[in-house]
Protein backbone atom coordinates (compact mmCIF):
# COMPACT_ATOMS: atom_id res chain seq x y z
CA MET A 1 -5.56 -26.49 -0.62
CA ALA A 2 -3.03 -26.78 -3.64
CA LYS A 3 -2.37 -23.91 -5.83
CA THR A 4 -0.87 -22.76 -8.77
CA VAL A 5 1.87 -20.70 -7.86
CA GLY A 6 3.88 -18.34 -10.72
CA ILE A 7 7.81 -17.58 -10.07
CA GLY A 8 9.36 -15.19 -12.27
CA ILE A 9 12.56 -14.69 -11.97
CA THR A 10 14.56 -11.82 -13.25
CA GLY A 11 18.65 -11.53 -13.18
CA GLY A 12 19.36 -10.41 -9.77
CA ILE A 13 22.43 -12.02 -8.15
CA ALA A 14 19.47 -12.98 -5.46
CA ALA A 15 18.16 -16.00 -7.87
CA TYR A 16 20.15 -18.71 -6.33
CA LYS A 17 17.57 -17.88 -3.71
CA ILE A 18 14.67 -18.50 -5.18
CA ALA A 19 15.42 -22.37 -5.70
CA ASP A 20 14.93 -22.87 -2.09
CA LEU A 21 11.60 -20.95 -2.58
CA VAL A 22 10.55 -23.55 -5.34
CA SER A 23 11.21 -26.78 -3.47
CA ARG A 24 9.56 -25.67 -0.51
CA LEU A 25 6.45 -24.70 -2.42
CA LYS A 26 6.35 -27.92 -4.22
CA LYS A 27 7.32 -29.34 -1.00
CA ASP A 28 4.05 -28.10 0.51
CA GLY A 29 1.79 -28.98 -2.71
CA HIS A 30 1.52 -25.85 -4.66
CA GLU A 31 2.05 -26.42 -8.39
CA VAL A 32 4.64 -24.03 -9.34
CA ILE A 33 5.39 -22.65 -12.87
CA VAL A 34 8.59 -20.73 -13.15
CA MET A 35 9.40 -18.51 -15.64
CA MET A 36 12.79 -16.76 -16.05
CA THR A 37 14.04 -13.74 -17.69
CA ALA A 38 17.27 -14.26 -20.07
CA ALA A 39 19.47 -12.45 -17.86
CA ALA A 40 18.58 -14.43 -14.55
CA THR A 41 19.44 -17.75 -16.59
CA ASN A 42 23.23 -16.31 -16.15
CA PHE A 43 22.40 -16.89 -12.39
CA ILE A 44 21.10 -19.82 -11.98
CA THR A 45 19.89 -22.36 -14.47
CA PRO A 46 16.83 -23.69 -15.33
CA LEU A 47 17.82 -27.15 -15.07
CA THR A 48 18.20 -26.48 -11.52
CA MET A 49 14.41 -25.18 -11.64
CA LYS A 50 13.01 -27.41 -13.51
CA THR A 51 14.44 -30.40 -11.25
CA LEU A 52 12.88 -28.27 -8.27
CA SER A 53 9.46 -27.82 -9.76
CA GLY A 54 8.93 -30.85 -11.70
CA ARG A 55 8.16 -29.23 -15.02
CA GLU A 56 9.38 -27.43 -17.98
CA VAL A 57 10.83 -24.07 -17.03
CA LEU A 58 10.00 -21.45 -19.33
CA THR A 59 12.70 -19.04 -20.71
CA ASP A 60 11.45 -17.82 -24.10
CA LEU A 61 8.02 -16.06 -25.86
CA TRP A 62 8.61 -17.82 -28.91
CA ASN A 63 9.03 -21.52 -28.01
CA GLU A 64 6.44 -23.30 -27.70
CA ALA A 65 6.27 -25.25 -24.86
CA GLN A 66 4.50 -28.55 -24.42
CA GLY A 67 0.64 -28.11 -22.86
CA PHE A 68 0.60 -24.47 -24.06
CA ASN A 69 -1.14 -23.43 -27.17
CA VAL A 70 -0.90 -19.81 -26.66
CA GLN A 71 2.09 -19.82 -23.89
CA HIS A 72 1.81 -16.71 -22.05
CA ILE A 73 -2.08 -16.31 -22.05
CA ASP A 74 -2.47 -20.51 -20.99
CA VAL A 75 0.11 -19.94 -18.19
CA ALA A 76 -1.38 -16.83 -16.82
CA GLU A 77 -4.77 -18.43 -17.14
CA GLN A 78 -3.72 -21.16 -14.46
CA LEU A 79 -2.16 -18.98 -12.09
CA ASP A 80 -3.87 -18.02 -8.38
CA LEU A 81 -0.52 -16.29 -7.76
CA LEU A 82 2.41 -14.72 -9.61
CA VAL A 83 5.51 -13.87 -7.49
CA ILE A 84 8.38 -12.01 -9.25
CA ALA A 85 11.27 -12.61 -7.07
CA PRO A 86 14.06 -11.30 -7.11
CA ALA A 87 12.61 -8.48 -8.97
CA THR A 88 14.87 -5.59 -10.14
CA ALA A 89 15.11 -2.33 -10.90
CA ASN A 90 14.45 -3.04 -14.60
CA PHE A 91 11.49 -5.73 -14.11
CA ILE A 92 9.65 -3.38 -12.22
CA ALA A 93 10.17 -0.48 -15.02
CA LYS A 94 8.46 -2.83 -17.47
CA MET A 95 5.87 -3.94 -15.22
CA ALA A 96 4.88 -0.03 -14.13
CA HIS A 97 4.69 0.92 -17.87
CA GLY A 98 3.26 -1.89 -19.32
CA LEU A 99 6.20 -3.11 -21.28
CA GLY A 100 6.03 -6.83 -22.81
CA ASP A 101 8.94 -7.62 -24.87
CA ASP A 102 9.54 -11.65 -23.50
CA LEU A 103 7.96 -14.21 -21.67
CA LEU A 104 7.80 -13.12 -18.48
CA SER A 105 6.61 -9.66 -18.88
CA THR A 106 3.94 -11.07 -20.92
CA VAL A 107 2.33 -13.51 -18.55
CA VAL A 108 2.51 -10.31 -16.43
CA LEU A 109 0.19 -8.32 -18.89
CA ALA A 110 -1.75 -11.42 -19.86
CA ASN A 111 -2.05 -12.45 -15.63
CA THR A 112 -5.18 -11.82 -13.49
CA ALA A 113 -4.49 -13.87 -10.71
CA PRO A 114 -2.80 -10.85 -7.55
CA VAL A 115 1.19 -10.17 -7.68
CA LEU A 116 3.64 -10.16 -5.12
CA VAL A 117 6.83 -7.96 -6.67
CA VAL A 118 9.88 -8.86 -4.02
CA PRO A 119 12.24 -6.22 -4.89
CA SER A 120 16.21 -6.90 -4.68
CA MET A 121 19.09 -4.75 -5.82
CA ASN A 122 21.37 -2.09 -5.07
CA THR A 123 20.40 0.16 -1.79
CA ASN A 124 21.48 3.12 -4.22
CA MET A 125 19.11 1.34 -6.80
CA PHE A 126 16.74 0.60 -4.41
CA GLU A 127 16.60 4.25 -2.89
CA ASN A 128 16.40 6.14 -6.40
CA ARG A 129 13.36 8.08 -6.91
CA ILE A 130 12.60 6.57 -10.07
CA VAL A 131 12.49 3.08 -8.78
CA GLN A 132 10.33 4.21 -6.07
CA ASN A 133 8.13 6.33 -8.57
CA ASN A 134 7.68 2.73 -10.68
CA ILE A 135 6.97 0.78 -7.18
CA ALA A 136 3.80 3.33 -6.27
CA ILE A 137 2.71 3.08 -9.55
CA LEU A 138 2.06 -0.59 -9.11
CA GLN A 139 1.03 -0.65 -5.54
CA ASP A 140 -1.66 1.92 -6.92
CA TYR A 141 -2.41 -0.97 -9.42
CA GLY A 142 -3.01 -3.11 -6.74
CA TYR A 143 0.23 -5.30 -6.79
CA HIS A 144 1.46 -6.67 -3.63
CA PHE A 145 4.91 -5.76 -2.83
CA LEU A 146 7.46 -7.26 0.31
CA GLU A 147 10.22 -4.85 1.45
CA PRO A 148 13.57 -5.55 1.20
CA GLY A 149 16.09 -6.53 4.20
CA SER A 150 18.82 -3.99 4.92
CA GLY A 151 22.35 -5.55 5.24
CA HIS A 152 25.64 -6.05 3.37
CA LEU A 153 24.46 -7.06 -0.37
CA ALA A 154 26.77 -8.95 -2.34
CA CYS A 155 27.97 -5.78 -4.17
CA GLY A 156 29.81 -4.82 -1.61
CA THR A 157 27.93 -2.01 -0.31
CA ALA A 158 25.15 -2.16 3.22
CA GLY A 159 21.34 -1.42 3.48
CA ARG A 160 18.06 -1.66 2.04
CA GLY A 161 18.06 -3.81 -0.97
CA ARG A 162 18.56 -7.82 0.62
CA LEU A 163 16.00 -10.27 -0.82
CA PRO A 164 13.79 -10.94 2.49
CA GLU A 165 14.05 -14.49 3.97
CA VAL A 166 12.74 -17.34 2.13
CA GLN A 167 10.28 -18.20 4.74
CA ASP A 168 9.01 -14.48 4.53
CA ILE A 169 8.13 -15.00 1.02
CA LEU A 170 6.57 -17.90 1.57
CA HIS A 171 4.53 -16.44 4.54
CA ARG A 172 3.71 -13.26 2.38
CA ILE A 173 2.58 -16.18 -0.51
CA GLU A 174 0.43 -18.26 2.13
CA GLU A 175 -1.36 -15.11 3.12
CA LEU A 176 -2.35 -14.33 -0.53
CA LEU A 177 -2.96 -18.05 -1.84
CA SER A 178 -5.59 -17.90 1.62
CA PRO A 179 -6.85 -14.57 1.62
CA LYS A 180 -8.46 -13.12 5.27
CA GLN A 181 -12.50 -13.00 4.99
CA ASP A 182 -12.90 -11.68 8.74
CA LEU A 183 -14.71 -8.37 7.34
CA LYS A 184 -17.42 -9.98 5.28
CA ASN A 185 -20.68 -8.51 6.18
CA LYS A 186 -19.07 -5.20 7.60
CA ARG A 187 -19.09 -1.85 6.17
CA ILE A 188 -16.27 0.00 6.36
CA MET A 189 -15.66 4.18 5.79
CA VAL A 190 -12.22 5.16 5.86
CA ASN A 191 -11.01 8.98 5.00
CA ALA A 192 -8.02 9.77 3.20
CA GLY A 193 -5.69 12.54 1.87
CA SER A 194 -5.44 15.77 2.71
CA THR A 195 -8.39 18.28 2.60
CA ARG A 196 -8.11 21.94 0.35
CA GLU A 197 -9.24 25.51 1.94
CA ASP A 198 -9.09 28.07 -0.86
CA ILE A 199 -7.80 31.62 -0.01
CA ASP A 200 -8.87 32.67 -3.59
CA PRO A 201 -10.21 31.08 -6.65
CA VAL A 202 -6.66 29.60 -7.82
CA ARG A 203 -4.95 29.31 -4.32
CA PHE A 204 -5.46 27.02 -1.36
CA ILE A 205 -4.29 25.71 1.89
CA THR A 206 -3.62 22.25 2.35
CA ASN A 207 -0.81 19.36 3.37
CA ARG A 208 1.94 17.06 2.43
CA SER A 209 -0.77 14.25 2.34
CA THR A 210 -0.81 11.68 -0.83
CA GLY A 211 -3.30 9.37 0.25
CA LYS A 212 -1.11 6.41 0.62
CA MET A 213 -2.13 5.39 4.24
CA GLY A 214 -6.06 5.70 3.85
CA TYR A 215 -5.52 4.07 -0.17
CA ALA A 216 -3.81 0.66 2.08
CA LEU A 217 -6.45 0.44 4.03
CA ALA A 218 -9.22 0.52 1.87
CA ARG A 219 -7.38 -2.09 -0.38
CA GLU A 220 -6.59 -4.30 2.76
CA ALA A 221 -10.38 -4.02 4.41
CA LEU A 222 -11.76 -4.64 0.44
CA SER A 223 -9.32 -7.61 0.04
CA ARG A 224 -10.89 -9.39 3.29
CA GLY A 225 -14.58 -9.00 2.59
CA ALA A 226 -15.44 -5.83 3.93
CA GLU A 227 -17.61 -3.31 1.69
CA VAL A 228 -15.66 -0.01 1.82
CA ILE A 229 -16.83 3.59 1.17
CA LEU A 230 -13.93 5.59 0.46
CA VAL A 231 -14.23 9.29 1.43
CA SER A 232 -10.95 10.85 -0.35
CA GLY A 233 -9.67 14.55 -0.73
CA PRO A 234 -7.71 15.36 -3.70
CA SER A 235 -5.06 12.70 -4.62
CA GLN A 236 -3.19 11.24 -7.65
CA LEU A 237 -3.48 7.99 -6.49
CA ALA A 238 -5.85 5.35 -8.30
CA VAL A 239 -8.87 4.60 -6.42
CA PRO A 240 -8.95 0.92 -5.43
CA VAL A 241 -11.08 -1.08 -7.93
CA GLY A 242 -14.11 -1.85 -5.91
CA VAL A 243 -15.16 1.16 -3.37
CA ARG A 244 -17.45 3.17 -3.44
CA PHE A 245 -15.72 6.34 -3.99
CA ILE A 246 -16.81 9.86 -2.74
CA PRO A 247 -14.26 12.53 -3.45
CA VAL A 248 -14.20 15.60 -1.59
CA ARG A 249 -12.56 19.15 -1.31
CA SER A 250 -12.82 21.26 2.12
CA ALA A 251 -12.57 19.28 5.02
CA GLN A 252 -16.92 20.85 6.01
CA GLU A 253 -17.33 18.67 2.87
CA MET A 254 -15.17 15.64 4.24
CA CYS A 255 -17.38 15.71 7.53
CA GLU A 256 -20.48 16.18 5.66
CA GLU A 257 -20.29 13.25 4.08
CA MET A 258 -18.93 11.25 6.44
CA LEU A 259 -21.94 11.88 8.69
CA LYS A 260 -23.88 10.92 6.01
CA TYR A 261 -23.02 7.26 6.12
CA GLN A 262 -22.20 6.93 9.42
CA ALA A 263 -25.02 5.37 10.49
CA ASP A 264 -24.78 2.27 7.78
CA CYS A 265 -21.05 1.69 9.09
CA ASP A 266 -19.28 -0.76 11.54
CA ILE A 267 -16.55 0.25 11.40
CA ILE A 268 -14.79 3.89 10.61
CA ILE A 269 -10.63 4.52 10.18
CA GLY A 270 -10.06 8.29 9.97
CA ALA A 271 -6.33 8.49 8.27
CA ALA A 272 -6.77 11.82 5.80
CA ALA A 273 -5.01 14.43 6.78
CA VAL A 274 -7.65 17.65 7.46
CA GLY A 275 -6.61 21.00 7.40
CA ASP A 276 -7.67 22.17 10.94
CA PHE A 277 -8.39 25.54 9.59
CA ARG A 278 -9.25 27.19 7.00
CA VAL A 279 -10.09 30.81 5.64
CA ALA A 280 -12.71 32.88 7.16
CA ARG A 281 -13.36 35.15 3.95
CA VAL A 282 -12.34 33.89 0.54
CA ALA A 283 -11.68 36.58 -1.88
CA GLY A 284 -13.53 36.53 -5.18
CA GLN A 285 -11.27 37.24 -7.40
CA LYS A 286 -7.49 36.02 -7.37
CA ILE A 287 -5.74 38.27 -5.28
CA LYS A 288 -3.16 40.45 -7.36
CA LYS A 289 0.37 41.65 -6.22
CA THR A 290 0.86 45.58 -6.84
CA GLU A 291 3.36 47.06 -8.50
CA ASP A 292 5.29 48.34 -5.73
CA LYS A 293 4.71 44.85 -3.83
CA THR A 294 4.77 46.63 -0.95
CA ARG A 295 0.80 45.14 -0.17
CA GLN A 296 0.42 42.73 2.77
CA VAL A 297 -1.98 40.35 2.82
CA VAL A 298 -3.19 39.03 6.06
CA LEU A 299 -5.24 35.96 6.03
CA GLU A 300 -7.56 35.22 9.53
CA LEU A 301 -8.22 31.43 9.84
CA VAL A 302 -10.98 30.13 11.93
CA GLU A 303 -11.13 26.29 12.77
CA ASN A 304 -12.32 23.64 10.96
CA PRO A 305 -15.01 21.04 12.71
CA ASP A 306 -13.15 17.86 14.15
CA ILE A 307 -14.53 14.70 11.48
CA LEU A 308 -13.31 12.03 14.18
CA LYS A 309 -14.52 14.48 17.09
CA GLU A 310 -18.15 14.83 15.58
CA LEU A 311 -18.66 11.25 14.35
CA GLY A 312 -17.45 10.19 18.04
CA LYS A 313 -20.15 11.41 19.40
CA ARG A 314 -22.69 9.74 17.34
CA LYS A 315 -21.19 6.57 17.93
CA THR A 316 -23.19 3.47 18.41
CA GLU A 317 -22.18 0.73 21.10
CA HIS A 318 -21.75 -1.58 18.35
CA MET A 319 -19.04 0.92 15.91
CA ILE A 320 -15.45 0.78 15.92
CA MET A 321 -13.79 4.01 15.21
CA VAL A 322 -9.92 4.34 14.33
CA GLY A 323 -8.19 7.65 14.29
CA PHE A 324 -4.83 8.57 13.59
CA ALA A 325 -2.33 11.02 15.27
CA ALA A 326 0.20 12.48 13.30
CA GLU A 327 2.03 14.56 15.40
CA THR A 328 5.59 16.15 16.26
CA GLU A 329 6.66 15.72 19.19
CA ASN A 330 4.97 14.01 22.68
CA VAL A 331 3.56 11.38 20.24
CA LEU A 332 2.36 8.76 22.59
CA GLU A 333 1.16 11.34 25.40
CA ASN A 334 -0.78 12.98 22.47
CA ALA A 335 -2.21 10.09 21.14
CA LYS A 336 -3.45 9.02 24.11
CA LYS A 337 -5.69 12.28 24.73
CA LYS A 338 -6.78 12.18 21.07
CA LEU A 339 -7.90 8.20 21.62
CA LEU A 340 -10.33 9.72 24.73
CA SER A 341 -11.50 13.11 23.40
CA LYS A 342 -12.72 12.08 20.16
CA ASN A 343 -14.00 8.85 21.38
CA LEU A 344 -11.98 6.58 19.28
CA ASP A 345 -11.76 2.65 20.27
CA LEU A 346 -7.83 2.31 18.61
CA ILE A 347 -5.46 5.05 17.45
CA VAL A 348 -2.97 4.89 15.29
CA ALA A 349 0.67 7.31 16.26
CA ASN A 350 3.13 8.22 14.21
CA ASP A 351 6.01 10.97 14.46
CA VAL A 352 5.95 12.49 11.05
CA THR A 353 9.41 13.50 11.44
CA VAL A 354 10.98 10.44 11.32
CA GLU A 355 12.87 9.41 8.36
CA GLU A 356 10.78 7.34 5.98
CA ALA A 357 7.63 7.89 7.61
CA GLY A 358 4.33 9.58 7.51
CA PHE A 359 3.42 12.23 4.67
CA ALA A 360 4.52 11.28 0.82
CA ALA A 361 6.60 8.29 2.38
CA ASP A 362 5.90 4.36 0.93
CA THR A 363 6.62 3.11 4.80
CA ASN A 364 5.77 4.00 7.74
CA VAL A 365 6.83 3.71 11.75
CA VAL A 366 3.35 3.64 14.03
CA THR A 367 2.23 2.35 17.19
CA LEU A 368 -0.97 0.95 17.70
CA ILE A 369 -3.20 1.99 21.14
CA ASP A 370 -6.06 0.78 22.61
CA ARG A 371 -8.42 2.29 24.68
CA ALA A 372 -7.52 -0.31 27.36
CA GLY A 373 -3.92 1.50 27.40
CA SER A 374 -2.09 -1.44 25.33
CA CYS A 375 0.69 0.16 23.24
CA ARG A 376 2.09 -2.06 20.17
CA PRO A 377 5.15 -0.55 18.37
CA LEU A 378 5.45 -1.79 14.40
CA PRO A 379 8.50 -2.05 13.11
CA LYS A 380 9.20 -0.01 9.72
CA MET A 381 6.60 -1.37 7.32
CA SER A 382 5.53 -0.69 3.89
CA LYS A 383 1.98 0.76 4.14
CA ASP A 384 0.28 -1.76 2.93
CA GLU A 385 1.83 -3.96 5.90
CA VAL A 386 0.79 -1.10 8.38
CA ALA A 387 -2.64 -1.47 6.84
CA ALA A 388 -2.63 -5.59 7.19
CA ALA A 389 -1.80 -4.62 11.17
CA ILE A 390 -4.21 -2.30 11.50
CA ILE A 391 -6.93 -4.40 10.22
CA ASP A 392 -5.96 -7.25 12.19
CA SER A 393 -6.20 -5.02 15.53
CA VAL A 394 -9.92 -3.99 14.19
CA VAL A 395 -11.18 -7.40 13.53
CA ALA A 396 -9.94 -8.18 17.13
CA LEU A 397 -11.49 -5.22 18.66
CA LEU A 398 -15.13 -6.91 16.82
């Protein structure tokens, strides 16, 4: 079915490649509304895009284009999908912080359709922590991202930052325009984030997990029609709109909540980084230092419940259970042991010592292992893409 796709072009050298994207979208029968920032017009002309799209290219917030009353509002209301490609560091920052000072940025603010952002820039710019934080903000808001490619860049350097191939952008656009609903009428429970085990009223033991992987899984399941219960330890991430959110703190609390809802679930995914140990005796008051700083504090730790193992004992015949194995050595061997000992159907193994994988990273490198012994290694992907691959495997198991 033909859809209306907004293409927002910002001022990057890869802007010329978007001509091919617009042309191919038109050939596929879609309506295409092209919007360009002032900087983008320095790289490719609006006339080119007008010829390929078959309609006026929108560049100026203050020009009332034919057919539009309040231009940026009317455009936003027409869109089934908004694509920002190439997305520069500057425009990503504007989106992340809600700035609306030109036509394209005001359309972004007025838009209610899904948004696909395709970054393209110098490697150092893309890897800058400020840019990565802005990307994380937008992902928390539900924006979709396509990871840039690696290779030789126009600026003369080599690394991540290349615009993905047009075919890859087209494929992602089609996925977003025709979302899968293969989890409709299914209830899925996901746990996410870290747990915290108190030492005293102000201190606790925790780990480096941010919850990004679990929250990505919740968003993906929700987008595919599932009813989603998200049981989360403390996290700074925005709660996906539409999930049933259950905040918890400790491993014991997380276990109790998940056991409470297990019987009503078709699928359970354990993505949380659950603390293995807790303090045997929590101090009632803050533990103080001595004046001469000679005091030694010894913490006695006891094991926390193994949440997935407890759930695995109560697993029913038609329930699918998925776990994660975050390892630092013997990754596949340890993951396979966990798969069997916890009565799982699928386990996601990842070496958390690998750069840009595991805790706090926006990307992950994992291997999917099922009970039949199949091992499917995935390349480095964004956590949203990993989530989609995991859900695909769950659907196949169903």
